[in-house]
Amino acid sequence: MFADQSVFNILTFDILEGDASKALTDINNIALSQSIAQKYFGNVSAVGKTLLLSIKGEEQLVTVSAVYGDLPESSSIKLNILGNIDFGKKNLTKMLITYGNDEKPKEWKDAWDHNFYSTLLSLTLEPMPVH
């Protein structure tokens, strides 16, 4: 999943390592779930370490900026790696080709019936006065 920095203001993450306020400020930053961090880095701190991603044969380095506790099984959000949204947009074409989609990226981004992007809202519990 890709998101902007505000995702940490809307969703509750148990940050185990790193700083949530800076986790996705750089295009090449990623946050990892605890289980994924342990898978790739063992018991060593993952923050500051790099991973080499291969997207359609192009290799790109990303830096782990935070590690969060695994989300509960009951969560509707299944999330092991959280990346910067600008990284996702930059690599959209390559990711679509990788997944075998033959649509043009512009058609994909502009179509209302695709769920590539989601919007999360944070609402107050206090009633708003009607004017």
Protein backbone atom coordinates (compact mmCIF):
# COMPACT_ATOMS: atom_id res chain seq x y z
CA MET A 1 0.00 0.00 0.00
CA PHE A 2 1.14 3.53 -0.74
CA ALA A 3 0.07 6.55 1.30
CA ASP A 4 1.06 10.07 2.18
CA GLN A 5 2.40 11.03 5.58
CA SER A 6 -1.10 11.78 6.94
CA VAL A 7 -1.92 8.06 7.08
CA PHE A 8 -0.28 8.04 10.52
CA ASN A 9 -2.77 10.70 11.68
CA ILE A 10 -5.78 8.67 10.52
CA LEU A 11 -4.86 5.05 11.24
CA THR A 12 -3.50 3.84 14.55
CA PHE A 13 -0.14 2.12 14.23
CA ASP A 14 1.89 0.75 17.12
CA ILE A 15 5.27 2.19 16.06
CA LEU A 16 8.00 -0.11 17.37
CA GLU A 17 10.96 1.58 15.67
CA GLY A 18 11.41 4.90 13.91
CA ASP A 19 9.40 8.10 13.95
CA ALA A 20 5.86 8.06 12.53
CA SER A 21 5.95 11.83 11.95
CA LYS A 22 8.77 11.34 9.41
CA ALA A 23 8.17 7.80 8.19
CA LEU A 24 6.98 8.60 4.65
CA THR A 25 8.46 12.07 4.13
CA ASP A 26 10.97 10.80 1.54
CA ILE A 27 9.83 9.18 -1.71
CA ASN A 28 12.07 6.15 -1.09
CA ASN A 29 11.02 5.55 2.54
CA ILE A 30 8.95 2.56 3.59
CA ALA A 31 7.46 1.35 6.85
CA LEU A 32 7.35 -2.39 7.53
CA SER A 33 5.20 -4.58 9.71
CA GLN A 34 7.05 -6.32 12.52
CA SER A 35 6.76 -9.74 10.86
CA ILE A 36 8.16 -8.47 7.54
CA ALA A 37 10.99 -6.63 9.31
CA GLN A 38 11.89 -9.86 11.13
CA LYS A 39 11.67 -11.85 7.90
CA TYR A 40 14.22 -9.65 6.12
CA PHE A 41 16.39 -8.37 8.98
CA GLY A 42 16.00 -10.92 11.78
CA ASN A 43 16.37 -9.47 15.26
CA VAL A 44 18.50 -6.53 14.07
CA SER A 45 16.88 -3.09 13.93
CA ALA A 46 15.45 -2.55 10.44
CA VAL A 47 15.33 1.27 10.58
CA GLY A 48 17.93 2.79 8.28
CA LYS A 49 18.42 -0.48 6.40
CA THR A 50 17.72 -0.69 2.67
CA LEU A 51 15.78 -3.16 0.55
CA LEU A 52 16.30 -3.63 -3.17
CA LEU A 53 12.96 -3.81 -4.98
CA SER A 54 12.65 -5.15 -8.51
CA ILE A 55 9.75 -3.67 -10.45
CA LYS A 56 9.54 -4.95 -14.02
CA GLY A 57 13.27 -5.61 -14.05
CA GLU A 58 14.22 -2.17 -12.73
CA GLU A 59 15.89 -2.24 -9.34
CA GLN A 60 15.18 0.51 -6.81
CA LEU A 61 16.52 0.98 -3.30
CA VAL A 62 14.11 1.89 -0.52
CA THR A 63 14.99 2.72 3.07
CA VAL A 64 13.14 1.39 6.09
CA SER A 65 12.08 4.40 8.16
CA ALA A 66 9.72 2.73 10.64
CA VAL A 67 8.53 -0.64 11.90
CA TYR A 68 4.98 -1.04 13.21
CA GLY A 69 3.30 -3.85 15.10
CA ASP A 70 1.45 -6.38 12.95
CA LEU A 71 -2.14 -5.35 12.35
CA PRO A 72 -4.81 -7.58 13.90
CA GLU A 73 -6.21 -10.40 11.79
CA SER A 74 -9.64 -8.77 12.18
CA SER A 75 -8.47 -5.58 10.43
CA SER A 76 -9.93 -4.91 6.99
CA ILE A 77 -6.58 -3.42 5.99
CA LYS A 78 -4.00 -6.06 5.10
CA LEU A 79 -0.71 -4.21 5.25
CA ASN A 80 2.85 -5.48 5.52
CA ILE A 81 4.69 -2.75 3.62
CA LEU A 82 3.68 0.90 3.53
CA GLY A 83 5.37 3.10 0.93
CA ASN A 84 5.34 6.76 -0.03
CA ILE A 85 2.48 7.58 -2.42
CA ASP A 86 4.82 9.44 -4.78
CA PHE A 87 6.87 6.24 -5.16
CA GLY A 88 3.64 4.44 -6.08
CA LYS A 89 2.62 7.08 -8.62
CA LYS A 90 6.12 7.16 -10.13
CA ASN A 91 6.08 3.39 -10.63
CA LEU A 92 2.41 2.96 -11.59
CA THR A 93 3.12 2.08 -15.21
CA LYS A 94 5.69 -0.56 -14.29
CA MET A 95 3.46 -2.04 -11.60
CA LEU A 96 0.50 -2.36 -13.97
CA ILE A 97 2.65 -4.10 -16.55
CA THR A 98 4.07 -6.38 -13.86
CA TYR A 99 0.56 -7.45 -12.84
CA GLY A 100 -0.37 -8.19 -16.46
CA ASN A 101 -2.84 -5.34 -16.97
CA ASP A 102 -3.02 -4.26 -20.61
CA GLU A 103 -4.78 -0.94 -19.96
CA LYS A 104 -2.92 2.31 -20.44
CA PRO A 105 -1.83 3.83 -17.11
CA LYS A 106 -3.75 7.08 -17.73
CA GLU A 107 -6.97 5.10 -18.29
CA TRP A 108 -6.28 3.19 -15.08
CA LYS A 109 -5.67 6.31 -13.00
CA ASP A 110 -8.71 8.18 -14.37
CA ALA A 111 -11.28 5.37 -14.25
CA TRP A 112 -13.79 5.49 -11.41
CA ASP A 113 -14.36 1.74 -11.43
CA HIS A 114 -10.78 0.85 -10.42
CA ASN A 115 -9.76 0.70 -6.79
CA PHE A 116 -6.10 1.61 -7.12
CA TYR A 117 -6.65 4.57 -4.78
CA SER A 118 -8.67 4.72 -1.58
CA THR A 119 -9.58 7.71 0.53
CA LEU A 120 -9.72 7.51 4.30
CA LEU A 121 -11.58 10.12 6.33
CA SER A 122 -11.21 10.99 9.98
CA LEU A 123 -14.52 12.24 11.34
CA THR A 124 -15.25 13.89 14.66
CA LEU A 125 -17.78 12.34 17.01
CA GLU A 126 -19.14 15.73 18.01
CA PRO A 127 -22.22 16.92 16.12
CA MET A 128 -21.71 19.83 13.76
CA PRO A 129 -24.16 22.74 14.09
CA VAL A 130 -26.40 23.37 11.09
CA HIS A 131 -26.14 26.90 9.71
